[in-house]
Protein backbone atom coordinates (compact mmCIF):
# COMPACT_ATOMS: atom_id res chain seq x y z
CA TRP A 1 -38.76 6.25 23.33
CA TRP A 2 -36.50 9.08 24.27
CA VAL A 3 -32.77 8.87 24.16
CA GLU A 4 -30.80 11.46 25.99
CA VAL A 5 -27.54 12.35 24.28
CA ARG A 6 -24.94 13.98 26.45
CA PRO A 7 -21.57 15.31 25.35
CA CYS A 8 -18.57 13.48 26.75
CA ALA A 9 -17.24 14.95 29.92
CA ARG A 10 -13.83 15.18 28.35
CA ALA A 11 -12.46 14.28 24.96
CA THR A 12 -9.76 11.65 25.06
CA VAL A 13 -6.74 11.78 22.81
CA PRO A 14 -4.33 8.84 22.78
CA PRO A 15 -1.11 9.67 24.56
CA PRO A 16 1.79 10.42 22.20
CA TRP A 17 3.74 7.33 23.27
CA ARG A 18 0.98 5.13 21.80
CA CYS A 19 1.14 6.72 18.35
CA THR A 20 3.36 5.25 15.69
CA SER A 21 4.92 7.15 12.85
CA ALA A 22 5.77 5.41 9.59
CA HIS A 23 6.67 6.00 5.96
CA VAL A 24 3.81 5.01 3.67
CA VAL A 25 3.75 4.51 -0.11
CA PRO A 26 1.16 3.28 -2.58
CA VAL A 27 2.26 0.36 -4.75
CA LEU A 28 1.19 1.11 -8.32
CA TRP A 29 0.75 -0.88 -11.51
CA ARG A 30 0.68 0.68 -14.97
CA PRO A 31 -1.18 -1.42 -17.53
CA MET A 32 0.55 0.29 -20.47
CA LEU A 33 4.09 1.59 -20.29
CA GLY A 34 4.32 5.28 -21.04
CA SER A 35 0.68 5.84 -20.14
CA PRO A 36 -0.27 8.02 -17.17
CA GLU A 37 -2.96 5.54 -16.07
CA GLN A 38 -2.06 3.54 -12.99
CA LEU A 39 -3.88 1.38 -10.47
CA VAL A 40 -3.12 1.02 -6.78
CA ILE A 41 -2.38 -2.65 -6.07
CA GLY A 42 -1.24 -2.20 -2.49
CA VAL A 43 0.12 0.05 0.23
CA ALA A 44 3.41 -0.38 2.10
CA ALA A 45 4.15 1.10 5.53
CA VAL A 46 7.56 1.01 7.24
CA ASN A 47 8.65 2.33 10.61
CA GLY A 48 11.92 1.88 12.45
CA SER A 49 11.19 -1.65 13.64
CA ASP A 50 8.57 -3.21 11.38
CA PHE A 51 6.73 -3.09 8.06
CA HIS A 52 3.30 -3.92 6.69
CA LEU A 53 2.29 -4.54 3.09
CA GLU A 54 -1.44 -4.43 2.38
CA ARG A 55 -2.48 -5.92 -0.95
CA ALA A 56 -5.44 -4.86 -3.06
CA SER A 57 -8.33 -7.06 -2.07
CA ASN A 58 -9.53 -8.29 -5.44
CA LEU A 59 -7.18 -8.21 -8.41
CA VAL A 60 -9.58 -10.50 -10.29
CA ARG A 61 -11.55 -7.34 -11.10
CA LEU A 62 -8.84 -6.56 -13.63
CA GLU A 63 -10.62 -9.06 -15.90
CA CYS A 64 -13.32 -6.42 -16.46
CA LEU A 65 -10.71 -3.88 -17.50
CA LEU A 66 -8.22 -6.02 -19.42
CA ASP A 67 -10.24 -9.01 -20.65
CA GLY A 68 -7.79 -11.57 -22.09
CA ASP A 69 -4.68 -9.84 -20.72
CA ALA A 70 -5.91 -9.97 -17.12
CA ALA A 71 -4.12 -13.21 -16.18
CA ALA A 72 -0.71 -11.78 -17.10
CA ALA A 73 -1.50 -8.51 -15.30
CA ILE A 74 -2.63 -10.31 -12.14
CA LEU A 75 0.53 -12.45 -12.22
CA ALA A 76 2.76 -9.38 -12.66
CA ALA A 77 0.99 -7.46 -9.88
CA SER A 78 1.13 -10.43 -7.49
CA ALA A 79 4.78 -11.17 -8.28
CA GLY A 80 5.66 -7.49 -7.83
CA MET A 81 3.97 -7.44 -4.43
CA ASP A 82 5.69 -10.71 -3.41
CA ALA A 83 9.08 -9.28 -4.40
CA LEU A 84 8.43 -6.06 -2.47
CA ASP A 85 7.33 -8.07 0.58
CA ALA A 86 10.57 -10.08 0.50
CA ASP A 87 12.64 -6.92 -0.05
CA LEU A 88 10.95 -5.15 2.87
CA ALA A 89 11.75 -8.12 5.11
CA VAL A 90 15.44 -7.83 4.21
CA ARG A 91 16.05 -4.11 3.68
CA SER A 92 13.11 -2.48 5.52
CA GLY A 93 12.88 1.25 4.69
CA ASP A 94 15.68 1.05 2.11
CA ALA A 95 13.38 -1.13 0.00
CA LEU A 96 11.13 1.91 -0.45
CA SER A 97 13.75 4.61 -0.91
CA ASP A 98 15.74 2.41 -3.36
CA TYR A 99 12.93 0.39 -4.98
CA ARG A 100 13.98 -2.35 -7.41
CA ALA A 101 11.08 -3.41 -9.62
CA VAL A 102 10.75 -7.01 -10.75
CA PHE A 103 8.33 -6.07 -13.55
CA SER A 104 8.48 -2.79 -15.45
CA GLY A 105 4.80 -2.00 -14.82
CA VAL A 106 5.00 -2.20 -11.01
CA ARG A 107 6.37 0.80 -9.13
CA ILE A 108 5.88 2.71 -5.91
CA GLY A 109 4.34 6.15 -5.50
CA ASN A 110 5.53 9.11 -3.47
CA LEU A 111 6.89 8.35 -0.01
CA ARG A 112 4.88 10.07 2.72
CA GLU A 113 5.03 10.22 6.48
CA ALA A 114 2.00 9.08 8.45
CA GLU A 115 1.16 8.83 12.10
CA GLY A 116 -1.51 6.95 13.95
């Protein structure tokens, strides 16, 4: 079998009116206060008209890291994400620039601009 591979006649780039720009932040959880270690438990994206909060897919894996303290950590991380979701629905981008943590271990990272 022979497969002929030809380059595309012309590269296509999405037109600029189809791209969306947004502010994006990681949502972080620190297992021990004062420690530099932190885990990403989600990512929040906000543009002028909408928001999206993507949660970490499997917080149960914290059981491997924290053993008996995992249930409390999972509850804190989930509650922190729920609170941020509700705050984003009410205050949109202000919820990221003026973040109000429900639990002391949950915080947001640096705000960045993204486009896609």
